[in-house]
Amino acid sequence: MRNNQDRLSGLAVPNAAQEPPVQQQQTEQQPLQFVTPTEFVELPSAGQLYPEGHPLHGVQTIEIRHMTAKDEDILTSRSLLKKGVAIDRLLQNIIVDRSIKVSDLLIGDKNAIIVACRVNGYGSDYEAKIVCPSCTTSVDFNFDLSLCEMNPHDAYKHWGIEKTVNNTFVIHAEKTGVDVEIRLLNSKDEVVLSQLSEKRRKNKLPESNLTNQLRRIIVSVDGNNNPAYVDSFVQNMPAVDSRLIRRTYQKIAPNIDMIQDFICSECDFEGEVNVPFGANFFWPKQ
């Protein structure tokens, strides 16, 4: 018979009374997971002035996430600031729905997002320099951005302005007696106007901000949408009609109301002023 004792000699035979060795489990430390909060911002346009197929068509709010330290890198990027695209890059970064492009946002909706982003990033207190309308002294004044309200998206009804199926508006220019069709500007238009202004400045040409803006917002004149015809009208329209078109545009364009009460610390003047988008809007002192 085989000697099993000899065959197993030299091999470790487990003892039933002996506890099995304990394996040490190495646990890897996982980095902390932070979830950036988001919020819904009410759009001044209520989504009523975007064409069908646009991701904001009929949508009353837009979801944005709160600013992070990484977003502040965008605001301090010298190259982006020099190109004038830092704010747009920031907004594109915080909008949750990636199908929404900042360039397609109506100016009023973009302004509402900018204010909301600033409030959730640095708070609603905003100190800015204001030139007093009375004593012309430049004073520091604290504004409360949480008090900013919105103009109604259907303000055109109050002013008796006709809205077309293409989300444009028809204004009757009394002096020339023509019907002028206008559209609302978006963020892309804002960039184009800024580039035109900068180009004229570099070439030492006279400013043409008003006529450039009119060319962007006027779609047709008495139904004629030929660019050359529209340009001729812009160049030769009476100032009274130009003023009417610009003031009507301001009345009917959905936007966030940036007018707040102001009290001058130097002369005690009290009145309403526009909250300025100063250099420290996204770069507060504190």
C-alpha atoms as a PDB file:
ATOM      1  CA  MET A   1       0.000   0.000   0.000  1.00  0.00           C
ATOM      2  CA  ARG A   2       1.062   3.504  -0.685  1.00  0.00           C
ATOM      3  CA  ASN A   3       2.351   5.489   2.224  1.00  0.00           C
ATOM      4  CA  ASN A   4       0.223   8.565   1.996  1.00  0.00           C
ATOM      5  CA  GLN A   5       2.141  10.154   4.842  1.00  0.00           C
ATOM      6  CA  ASP A   6       5.355   9.903   2.834  1.00  0.00           C
ATOM      7  CA  ARG A   7       3.635  11.120  -0.365  1.00  0.00           C
ATOM      8  CA  LEU A   8       2.322  14.204   1.405  1.00  0.00           C
ATOM      9  CA  SER A   9       5.485  14.931   3.278  1.00  0.00           C
ATOM     10  CA  GLY A  10       6.812  18.410   2.654  1.00  0.00           C
ATOM     11  CA  LEU A  11       3.387  19.758   1.682  1.00  0.00           C
ATOM     12  CA  ALA A  12       1.483  22.098   3.946  1.00  0.00           C
ATOM     13  CA  VAL A  13      -1.617  20.369   5.147  1.00  0.00           C
ATOM     14  CA  PRO A  14      -4.269  22.782   6.403  1.00  0.00           C
ATOM     15  CA  ASN A  15      -5.325  22.304   9.970  1.00  0.00           C
ATOM     16  CA  ALA A  16      -9.052  22.287  10.446  1.00  0.00           C
ATOM     17  CA  ALA A  17      -8.620  24.115  13.702  1.00  0.00           C
ATOM     18  CA  GLN A  18      -6.478  26.768  12.083  1.00  0.00           C
ATOM     19  CA  GLU A  19      -8.276  29.895  10.691  1.00  0.00           C
ATOM     20  CA  PRO A  20      -7.714  30.561   6.990  1.00  0.00           C
ATOM     21  CA  PRO A  21      -5.429  33.489   6.224  1.00  0.00           C
ATOM     22  CA  VAL A  22      -7.202  36.811   5.945  1.00  0.00           C
ATOM     23  CA  GLN A  23      -6.766  38.589   2.617  1.00  0.00           C
ATOM     24  CA  GLN A  24      -6.112  42.278   3.014  1.00  0.00           C
ATOM     25  CA  GLN A  25      -8.369  44.223   0.745  1.00  0.00           C
ATOM     26  CA  GLN A  26      -6.859  47.395  -0.612  1.00  0.00           C
ATOM     27  CA  THR A  27      -9.434  50.052  -1.094  1.00  0.00           C
ATOM     28  CA  GLU A  28      -8.665  52.797  -3.557  1.00  0.00           C
ATOM     29  CA  GLN A  29      -9.673  56.256  -2.463  1.00  0.00           C
ATOM     30  CA  GLN A  30     -12.128  57.726  -4.912  1.00  0.00           C
ATOM     31  CA  PRO A  31     -12.041  61.475  -5.580  1.00  0.00           C
ATOM     32  CA  LEU A  32     -14.858  63.451  -4.015  1.00  0.00           C
ATOM     33  CA  GLN A  33     -17.805  63.780  -6.329  1.00  0.00           C
ATOM     34  CA  PHE A  34     -19.421  67.218  -6.355  1.00  0.00           C
ATOM     35  CA  VAL A  35     -22.659  67.868  -8.191  1.00  0.00           C
ATOM     36  CA  THR A  36     -22.869  71.446  -9.437  1.00  0.00           C
ATOM     37  CA  PRO A  37     -26.342  72.819  -8.709  1.00  0.00           C
ATOM     38  CA  THR A  38     -28.514  74.124 -11.512  1.00  0.00           C
ATOM     39  CA  GLU A  39     -31.429  76.516 -11.706  1.00  0.00           C
ATOM     40  CA  PHE A  40     -34.096  77.499 -14.193  1.00  0.00           C
ATOM     41  CA  VAL A  41     -34.017  81.061 -15.508  1.00  0.00           C
ATOM     42  CA  GLU A  42     -37.210  82.624 -16.767  1.00  0.00           C
ATOM     43  CA  LEU A  43     -36.834  83.919 -20.320  1.00  0.00           C
ATOM     44  CA  PRO A  44     -38.196  87.405 -21.097  1.00  0.00           C
ATOM     45  CA  SER A  45     -39.332  86.128 -24.501  1.00  0.00           C
ATOM     46  CA  ALA A  46     -41.159  83.181 -22.887  1.00  0.00           C
ATOM     47  CA  GLY A  47     -40.017  81.258 -25.964  1.00  0.00           C
ATOM     48  CA  GLN A  48     -42.725  82.958 -28.021  1.00  0.00           C
ATOM     49  CA  LEU A  49     -40.389  84.752 -30.441  1.00  0.00           C
ATOM     50  CA  TYR A  50     -38.225  81.858 -31.607  1.00  0.00           C
ATOM     51  CA  PRO A  51     -39.019  80.068 -34.880  1.00  0.00           C
ATOM     52  CA  GLU A  52     -40.352  76.544 -34.969  1.00  0.00           C
ATOM     53  CA  GLY A  53     -37.531  74.037 -34.703  1.00  0.00           C
ATOM     54  CA  HIS A  54     -35.509  76.223 -32.368  1.00  0.00           C
ATOM     55  CA  PRO A  55     -34.809  74.419 -29.047  1.00  0.00           C
ATOM     56  CA  LEU A  56     -36.337  77.373 -27.148  1.00  0.00           C
ATOM     57  CA  HIS A  57     -39.480  77.641 -29.271  1.00  0.00           C
ATOM     58  CA  GLY A  58     -42.390  77.814 -26.814  1.00  0.00           C
ATOM     59  CA  VAL A  59     -40.053  77.227 -23.853  1.00  0.00           C
ATOM     60  CA  GLN A  60     -40.440  79.659 -20.967  1.00  0.00           C
ATOM     61  CA  THR A  61     -37.313  78.792 -18.974  1.00  0.00           C
ATOM     62  CA  ILE A  62     -33.745  77.700 -19.574  1.00  0.00           C
ATOM     63  CA  GLU A  63     -31.678  75.518 -17.223  1.00  0.00           C
ATOM     64  CA  ILE A  64     -28.204  76.736 -16.312  1.00  0.00           C
ATOM     65  CA  ARG A  65     -25.685  75.428 -13.835  1.00  0.00           C
ATOM     66  CA  HIS A  66     -23.999  77.594 -11.247  1.00  0.00           C
ATOM     67  CA  MET A  67     -20.580  79.044 -11.969  1.00  0.00           C
ATOM     68  CA  THR A  68     -17.530  77.095 -10.867  1.00  0.00           C
ATOM     69  CA  ALA A  69     -13.867  77.947 -10.375  1.00  0.00           C
ATOM     70  CA  LYS A  70     -13.225  76.462 -13.815  1.00  0.00           C
ATOM     71  CA  ASP A  71     -15.710  78.925 -15.295  1.00  0.00           C
ATOM     72  CA  GLU A  72     -13.784  81.750 -13.669  1.00  0.00           C
ATOM     73  CA  ASP A  73     -10.803  80.680 -15.774  1.00  0.00           C
ATOM     74  CA  ILE A  74     -12.863  81.655 -18.807  1.00  0.00           C
ATOM     75  CA  LEU A  75     -13.588  85.084 -17.358  1.00  0.00           C
ATOM     76  CA  THR A  76      -9.890  85.700 -16.696  1.00  0.00           C
ATOM     77  CA  SER A  77      -8.583  84.359 -20.007  1.00  0.00           C
ATOM     78  CA  ARG A  78      -6.666  87.188 -21.665  1.00  0.00           C
ATOM     79  CA  SER A  79      -7.105  85.750 -25.145  1.00  0.00           C
ATOM     80  CA  LEU A  80     -10.878  85.392 -24.737  1.00  0.00           C
ATOM     81  CA  LEU A  81     -11.176  88.853 -23.199  1.00  0.00           C
ATOM     82  CA  LYS A  82      -9.148  90.371 -26.032  1.00  0.00           C
ATOM     83  CA  LYS A  83     -11.429  88.726 -28.588  1.00  0.00           C
ATOM     84  CA  GLY A  84     -14.492  89.892 -26.651  1.00  0.00           C
ATOM     85  CA  VAL A  85     -15.947  86.380 -26.409  1.00  0.00           C
ATOM     86  CA  ALA A  86     -15.350  85.566 -22.729  1.00  0.00           C
ATOM     87  CA  ILE A  87     -18.953  86.157 -21.646  1.00  0.00           C
ATOM     88  CA  ASP A  88     -20.415  84.190 -24.563  1.00  0.00           C
ATOM     89  CA  ARG A  89     -18.012  81.318 -23.883  1.00  0.00           C
ATOM     90  CA  LEU A  90     -19.036  81.338 -20.224  1.00  0.00           C
ATOM     91  CA  LEU A  91     -22.745  81.265 -21.070  1.00  0.00           C
ATOM     92  CA  GLN A  92     -22.270  78.446 -23.560  1.00  0.00           C
ATOM     93  CA  ASN A  93     -20.489  76.517 -20.827  1.00  0.00           C
ATOM     94  CA  ILE A  94     -23.222  76.869 -18.192  1.00  0.00           C
ATOM     95  CA  ILE A  95     -26.275  76.200 -20.388  1.00  0.00           C
ATOM     96  CA  VAL A  96     -27.313  72.626 -19.673  1.00  0.00           C
ATOM     97  CA  ASP A  97     -29.021  71.915 -23.019  1.00  0.00           C
ATOM     98  CA  ARG A  98     -26.147  71.653 -25.496  1.00  0.00           C
ATOM     99  CA  SER A  99     -28.466  72.091 -28.471  1.00  0.00           C
ATOM    100  CA  ILE A 100     -28.968  75.735 -27.458  1.00  0.00           C
ATOM    101  CA  LYS A 101     -26.400  78.083 -28.976  1.00  0.00           C
ATOM    102  CA  VAL A 102     -25.618  81.420 -27.353  1.00  0.00           C
ATOM    103  CA  SER A 103     -25.357  83.060 -30.776  1.00  0.00           C
ATOM    104  CA  ASP A 104     -29.056  82.287 -31.385  1.00  0.00           C
ATOM    105  CA  LEU A 105     -30.303  83.756 -28.100  1.00  0.00           C
ATOM    106  CA  LEU A 106     -32.381  86.910 -28.260  1.00  0.00           C
ATOM    107  CA  ILE A 107     -30.559  89.778 -26.553  1.00  0.00           C
ATOM    108  CA  GLY A 108     -33.140  90.037 -23.771  1.00  0.00           C
ATOM    109  CA  ASP A 109     -32.936  86.321 -22.978  1.00  0.00           C
ATOM    110  CA  LYS A 110     -29.153  86.492 -22.999  1.00  0.00           C
ATOM    111  CA  ASN A 111     -29.212  89.417 -20.562  1.00  0.00           C
ATOM    112  CA  ALA A 112     -31.491  87.489 -18.198  1.00  0.00           C
ATOM    113  CA  ILE A 113     -29.052  84.558 -18.195  1.00  0.00           C
ATOM    114  CA  ILE A 114     -26.095  86.889 -17.597  1.00  0.00           C
ATOM    115  CA  VAL A 115     -27.773  88.443 -14.561  1.00  0.00           C
ATOM    116  CA  ALA A 116     -28.799  85.044 -13.150  1.00  0.00           C
ATOM    117  CA  CYS A 117     -25.280  83.715 -13.660  1.00  0.00           C
ATOM    118  CA  ARG A 118     -23.781  86.690 -11.867  1.00  0.00           C
ATOM    119  CA  VAL A 119     -26.223  86.395  -8.950  1.00  0.00           C
ATOM    120  CA  ASN A 120     -25.607  82.699  -8.350  1.00  0.00           C
ATOM    121  CA  GLY A 121     -21.864  83.218  -8.772  1.00  0.00           C
ATOM    122  CA  TYR A 122     -21.174  86.313  -6.700  1.00  0.00           C
ATOM    123  CA  GLY A 123     -24.459  87.364  -5.128  1.00  0.00           C
ATOM    124  CA  SER A 124     -27.015  90.025  -5.963  1.00  0.00           C
ATOM    125  CA  ASP A 125     -25.077  92.991  -4.539  1.00  0.00           C
ATOM    126  CA  TYR A 126     -23.414  94.907  -7.343  1.00  0.00           C
ATOM    127  CA  GLU A 127     -21.349  98.025  -6.745  1.00  0.00           C
ATOM    128  CA  ALA A 128     -20.882 100.249  -9.779  1.00  0.00           C
ATOM    129  CA  LYS A 129     -19.857 103.792 -10.543  1.00  0.00           C
ATOM    130  CA  ILE A 130     -22.707 106.102 -11.534  1.00  0.00           C
ATOM    131  CA  VAL A 131     -22.481 109.634 -12.877  1.00  0.00           C
ATOM    132  CA  CYS A 132     -25.190 111.568 -11.051  1.00  0.00           C
ATOM    133  CA  PRO A 133     -27.631 113.146 -13.546  1.00  0.00           C
ATOM    134  CA  SER A 134     -27.891 116.176 -11.271  1.00  0.00           C
ATOM    135  CA  CYS A 135     -24.393 117.070 -10.014  1.00  0.00           C
ATOM    136  CA  THR A 136     -22.442 114.972 -12.597  1.00  0.00           C
ATOM    137  CA  THR A 137     -20.297 113.523  -9.803  1.00  0.00           C
ATOM    138  CA  SER A 138     -19.089 109.946 -10.255  1.00  0.00           C
ATOM    139  CA  VAL A 139     -20.167 108.001  -7.168  1.00  0.00           C
ATOM    140  CA  ASP A 140     -20.150 104.357  -6.088  1.00  0.00           C
ATOM    141  CA  PHE A 141     -23.617 102.903  -5.710  1.00  0.00           C
ATOM    142  CA  ASN A 142     -24.833  99.464  -4.650  1.00  0.00           C
ATOM    143  CA  PHE A 143     -27.495  97.875  -6.843  1.00  0.00           C
ATOM    144  CA  ASP A 144     -29.567  94.832  -5.949  1.00  0.00           C
ATOM    145  CA  LEU A 145     -29.684  92.551  -9.002  1.00  0.00           C
ATOM    146  CA  SER A 146     -32.403  90.430  -7.407  1.00  0.00           C
ATOM    147  CA  LEU A 147     -34.802  93.343  -7.972  1.00  0.00           C
ATOM    148  CA  CYS A 148     -34.439  93.227 -11.753  1.00  0.00           C
ATOM    149  CA  GLU A 149     -37.752  92.401 -13.397  1.00  0.00           C
ATOM    150  CA  MET A 150     -38.711  91.457 -16.927  1.00  0.00           C
ATOM    151  CA  ASN A 151     -40.550  93.324 -19.614  1.00  0.00           C
ATOM    152  CA  PRO A 152     -43.520  91.275 -20.880  1.00  0.00           C
ATOM    153  CA  HIS A 153     -42.912  89.335 -24.077  1.00  0.00           C
ATOM    154  CA  ASP A 154     -46.175  90.633 -25.537  1.00  0.00           C
ATOM    155  CA  ALA A 155     -45.515  94.326 -24.859  1.00  0.00           C
ATOM    156  CA  TYR A 156     -46.083  94.984 -28.563  1.00  0.00           C
ATOM    157  CA  LYS A 157     -49.808  94.498 -27.970  1.00  0.00           C
ATOM    158  CA  HIS A 158     -49.850  97.324 -25.448  1.00  0.00           C
ATOM    159  CA  TRP A 159     -48.265  99.680 -27.983  1.00  0.00           C
ATOM    160  CA  GLY A 160     -50.522  98.614 -30.830  1.00  0.00           C
ATOM    161  CA  ILE A 161     -47.694  97.113 -32.905  1.00  0.00           C
ATOM    162  CA  GLU A 162     -48.502  94.379 -35.417  1.00  0.00           C
ATOM    163  CA  LYS A 163     -46.613  91.099 -35.063  1.00  0.00           C
ATOM    164  CA  THR A 164     -46.203  88.902 -38.145  1.00  0.00           C
ATOM    165  CA  VAL A 165     -46.155  85.114 -38.406  1.00  0.00           C
ATOM    166  CA  ASN A 166     -42.368  85.382 -38.834  1.00  0.00           C
ATOM    167  CA  ASN A 167     -41.974  86.955 -35.381  1.00  0.00           C
ATOM    168  CA  THR A 168     -41.228  90.344 -36.913  1.00  0.00           C
ATOM    169  CA  PHE A 169     -43.017  93.616 -36.171  1.00  0.00           C
ATOM    170  CA  VAL A 170     -44.437  96.333 -38.394  1.00  0.00           C
ATOM    171  CA  ILE A 171     -44.009  99.997 -37.475  1.00  0.00           C
ATOM    172  CA  HIS A 172     -45.585 102.825 -39.421  1.00  0.00           C
ATOM    173  CA  ALA A 173     -43.008 105.571 -39.995  1.00  0.00           C
ATOM    174  CA  GLU A 174     -45.163 108.689 -39.871  1.00  0.00           C
ATOM    175  CA  LYS A 175     -42.810 111.159 -41.567  1.00  0.00           C
ATOM    176  CA  THR A 176     -42.085 109.037 -44.628  1.00  0.00           C
ATOM    177  CA  GLY A 177     -45.455 107.280 -44.519  1.00  0.00           C
ATOM    178  CA  VAL A 178     -44.029 103.787 -45.000  1.00  0.00           C
ATOM    179  CA  ASP A 179     -44.435 100.545 -43.071  1.00  0.00           C
ATOM    180  CA  VAL A 180     -41.126  99.335 -41.671  1.00  0.00           C
ATOM    181  CA  GLU A 181     -40.772  95.666 -40.749  1.00  0.00           C
ATOM    182  CA  ILE A 182     -38.233  94.998 -38.002  1.00  0.00           C
ATOM    183  CA  ARG A 183     -36.880  91.954 -36.218  1.00  0.00           C
ATOM    184  CA  LEU A 184     -35.350  91.402 -32.801  1.00  0.00           C
ATOM    185  CA  LEU A 185     -31.575  91.226 -32.504  1.00  0.00           C
ATOM    186  CA  ASN A 186     -29.840  88.123 -31.223  1.00  0.00           C
ATOM    187  CA  SER A 187     -26.402  87.532 -29.730  1.00  0.00           C
ATOM    188  CA  LYS A 188     -24.854  86.989 -33.162  1.00  0.00           C
ATOM    189  CA  ASP A 189     -26.087  90.414 -34.279  1.00  0.00           C
ATOM    190  CA  GLU A 190     -24.542  91.896 -31.161  1.00  0.00           C
ATOM    191  CA  VAL A 191     -21.149  90.434 -32.095  1.00  0.00           C
ATOM    192  CA  VAL A 192     -21.421  91.691 -35.690  1.00  0.00           C
ATOM    193  CA  LEU A 193     -22.292  95.221 -34.553  1.00  0.00           C
ATOM    194  CA  SER A 194     -19.371  95.212 -32.127  1.00  0.00           C
ATOM    195  CA  GLN A 195     -16.991  94.063 -34.879  1.00  0.00           C
ATOM    196  CA  LEU A 196     -18.246  96.754 -37.264  1.00  0.00           C
ATOM    197  CA  SER A 197     -17.717  99.399 -34.613  1.00  0.00           C
ATOM    198  CA  GLU A 198     -14.205  98.166 -33.849  1.00  0.00           C
ATOM    199  CA  LYS A 199     -13.311  98.037 -37.545  1.00  0.00           C
ATOM    200  CA  ARG A 200     -14.349 101.654 -38.059  1.00  0.00           C
ATOM    201  CA  ARG A 201     -12.419 102.674 -34.972  1.00  0.00           C
ATOM    202  CA  LYS A 202      -9.241 101.014 -36.204  1.00  0.00           C
ATOM    203  CA  ASN A 203      -9.621 102.675 -39.611  1.00  0.00           C
ATOM    204  CA  LYS A 204     -10.269 106.015 -37.896  1.00  0.00           C
ATOM    205  CA  LEU A 205     -13.678 106.353 -39.541  1.00  0.00           C
ATOM    206  CA  PRO A 206     -16.645 108.188 -38.030  1.00  0.00           C
ATOM    207  CA  GLU A 207     -18.937 106.096 -35.847  1.00  0.00           C
ATOM    208  CA  SER A 208     -22.077 104.700 -37.464  1.00  0.00           C
ATOM    209  CA  ASN A 209     -23.588 102.729 -34.594  1.00  0.00           C
ATOM    210  CA  LEU A 210     -27.166 103.923 -35.131  1.00  0.00           C
ATOM    211  CA  THR A 211     -27.302 103.219 -38.863  1.00  0.00           C
ATOM    212  CA  ASN A 212     -25.532  99.876 -38.407  1.00  0.00           C
ATOM    213  CA  GLN A 213     -28.129  98.852 -35.850  1.00  0.00           C
ATOM    214  CA  LEU A 214     -30.988  99.976 -38.082  1.00  0.00           C
ATOM    215  CA  ARG A 215     -29.593  97.917 -40.965  1.00  0.00           C
ATOM    216  CA  ARG A 216     -29.605  94.844 -38.728  1.00  0.00           C
ATOM    217  CA  ILE A 217     -33.144  95.234 -37.402  1.00  0.00           C
ATOM    218  CA  ILE A 218     -34.990  96.454 -40.516  1.00  0.00           C
ATOM    219  CA  VAL A 219     -36.230  93.533 -42.601  1.00  0.00           C
ATOM    220  CA  SER A 220     -38.237  95.389 -45.231  1.00  0.00           C
ATOM    221  CA  VAL A 221     -39.676  98.776 -46.137  1.00  0.00           C
ATOM    222  CA  ASP A 222     -43.225  98.710 -47.529  1.00  0.00           C
ATOM    223  CA  GLY A 223     -42.697  95.026 -48.272  1.00  0.00           C
ATOM    224  CA  ASN A 224     -39.442  95.538 -50.173  1.00  0.00           C
ATOM    225  CA  ASN A 225     -36.670  93.489 -48.542  1.00  0.00           C
ATOM    226  CA  ASN A 226     -33.941  94.235 -51.084  1.00  0.00           C
ATOM    227  CA  PRO A 227     -30.806  95.027 -49.021  1.00  0.00           C
ATOM    228  CA  ALA A 228     -29.864  97.951 -51.269  1.00  0.00           C
ATOM    229  CA  TYR A 229     -33.373  99.417 -50.905  1.00  0.00           C
ATOM    230  CA  VAL A 230     -33.313  98.991 -47.125  1.00  0.00           C
ATOM    231  CA  ASP A 231     -29.834 100.535 -46.934  1.00  0.00           C
ATOM    232  CA  SER A 232     -30.966 103.539 -48.964  1.00  0.00           C
ATOM    233  CA  PHE A 233     -33.916 104.024 -46.630  1.00  0.00           C
ATOM    234  CA  VAL A 234     -31.659 103.817 -43.571  1.00  0.00           C
ATOM    235  CA  GLN A 235     -29.276 106.395 -45.003  1.00  0.00           C
ATOM    236  CA  ASN A 236     -31.981 108.876 -45.978  1.00  0.00           C
ATOM    237  CA  MET A 237     -34.821 108.423 -43.473  1.00  0.00           C
ATOM    238  CA  PRO A 238     -35.723 111.510 -41.443  1.00  0.00           C
ATOM    239  CA  ALA A 239     -34.325 111.571 -37.929  1.00  0.00           C
ATOM    240  CA  VAL A 240     -37.837 111.590 -36.487  1.00  0.00           C
ATOM    241  CA  ASP A 241     -38.577 108.210 -38.112  1.00  0.00           C
ATOM    242  CA  SER A 242     -35.206 106.824 -37.025  1.00  0.00           C
ATOM    243  CA  ARG A 243     -35.961 107.835 -33.451  1.00  0.00           C
ATOM    244  CA  LEU A 244     -39.466 106.340 -33.658  1.00  0.00           C
ATOM    245  CA  ILE A 245     -38.144 102.978 -34.854  1.00  0.00           C
ATOM    246  CA  ARG A 246     -35.429 102.806 -32.208  1.00  0.00           C
ATOM    247  CA  ARG A 247     -37.712 103.837 -29.355  1.00  0.00           C
ATOM    248  CA  THR A 248     -40.442 101.426 -30.456  1.00  0.00           C
ATOM    249  CA  TYR A 249     -37.879  98.636 -30.617  1.00  0.00           C
ATOM    250  CA  GLN A 250     -36.885  99.323 -27.008  1.00  0.00           C
ATOM    251  CA  LYS A 251     -40.515  99.230 -25.918  1.00  0.00           C
ATOM    252  CA  ILE A 252     -41.484  95.945 -27.557  1.00  0.00           C
ATOM    253  CA  ALA A 253     -38.248  93.919 -27.234  1.00  0.00           C
ATOM    254  CA  PRO A 254     -38.568  91.449 -24.319  1.00  0.00           C
ATOM    255  CA  ASN A 255     -35.726  92.100 -21.936  1.00  0.00           C
ATOM    256  CA  ILE A 256     -34.762  92.259 -18.292  1.00  0.00           C
ATOM    257  CA  ASP A 257     -35.469  95.663 -16.758  1.00  0.00           C
ATOM    258  CA  MET A 258     -32.173  97.107 -15.547  1.00  0.00           C
ATOM    259  CA  ILE A 259     -33.613 100.376 -14.226  1.00  0.00           C
ATOM    260  CA  GLN A 260     -33.373 100.902 -10.456  1.00  0.00           C
ATOM    261  CA  ASP A 261     -33.752 103.725  -7.952  1.00  0.00           C
ATOM    262  CA  PHE A 262     -30.639 105.795  -7.347  1.00  0.00           C
ATOM    263  CA  ILE A 263     -29.755 108.221  -4.551  1.00  0.00           C
ATOM    264  CA  CYS A 264     -26.666 110.383  -4.997  1.00  0.00           C
ATOM    265  CA  SER A 265     -24.440 110.491  -1.910  1.00  0.00           C
ATOM    266  CA  GLU A 266     -23.139 113.913  -2.942  1.00  0.00           C
ATOM    267  CA  CYS A 267     -26.248 115.956  -3.702  1.00  0.00           C
ATOM    268  CA  ASP A 268     -29.083 113.684  -2.454  1.00  0.00           C
ATOM    269  CA  PHE A 269     -30.570 113.494  -5.949  1.00  0.00           C
ATOM    270  CA  GLU A 270     -33.186 110.731  -6.237  1.00  0.00           C
ATOM    271  CA  GLY A 271     -34.195 109.182  -9.519  1.00  0.00           C
ATOM    272  CA  GLU A 272     -34.021 106.141 -11.755  1.00  0.00           C
ATOM    273  CA  VAL A 273     -30.888 105.022 -13.597  1.00  0.00           C
ATOM    274  CA  ASN A 274     -29.877 102.081 -15.731  1.00  0.00           C
ATOM    275  CA  VAL A 275     -27.788  99.469 -13.958  1.00  0.00           C
ATOM    276  CA  PRO A 276     -24.523  99.528 -15.947  1.00  0.00           C
ATOM    277  CA  PHE A 277     -22.741  96.406 -17.116  1.00  0.00           C
ATOM    278  CA  GLY A 278     -19.424  97.703 -15.789  1.00  0.00           C
ATOM    279  CA  ALA A 279     -16.006  96.065 -15.765  1.00  0.00           C
ATOM    280  CA  ASN A 280     -16.625  94.619 -12.300  1.00  0.00           C
ATOM    281  CA  PHE A 281     -19.976  93.001 -13.128  1.00  0.00           C
ATOM    282  CA  PHE A 282     -18.269  89.596 -13.306  1.00  0.00           C
ATOM    283  CA  TRP A 283     -15.145  90.783 -11.537  1.00  0.00           C
ATOM    284  CA  PRO A 284     -16.351  92.169  -8.188  1.00  0.00           C
ATOM    285  CA  LYS A 285     -13.830  93.809  -5.876  1.00  0.00           C
ATOM    286  CA  GLN A 286     -14.495  91.529  -2.929  1.00  0.00           C
END
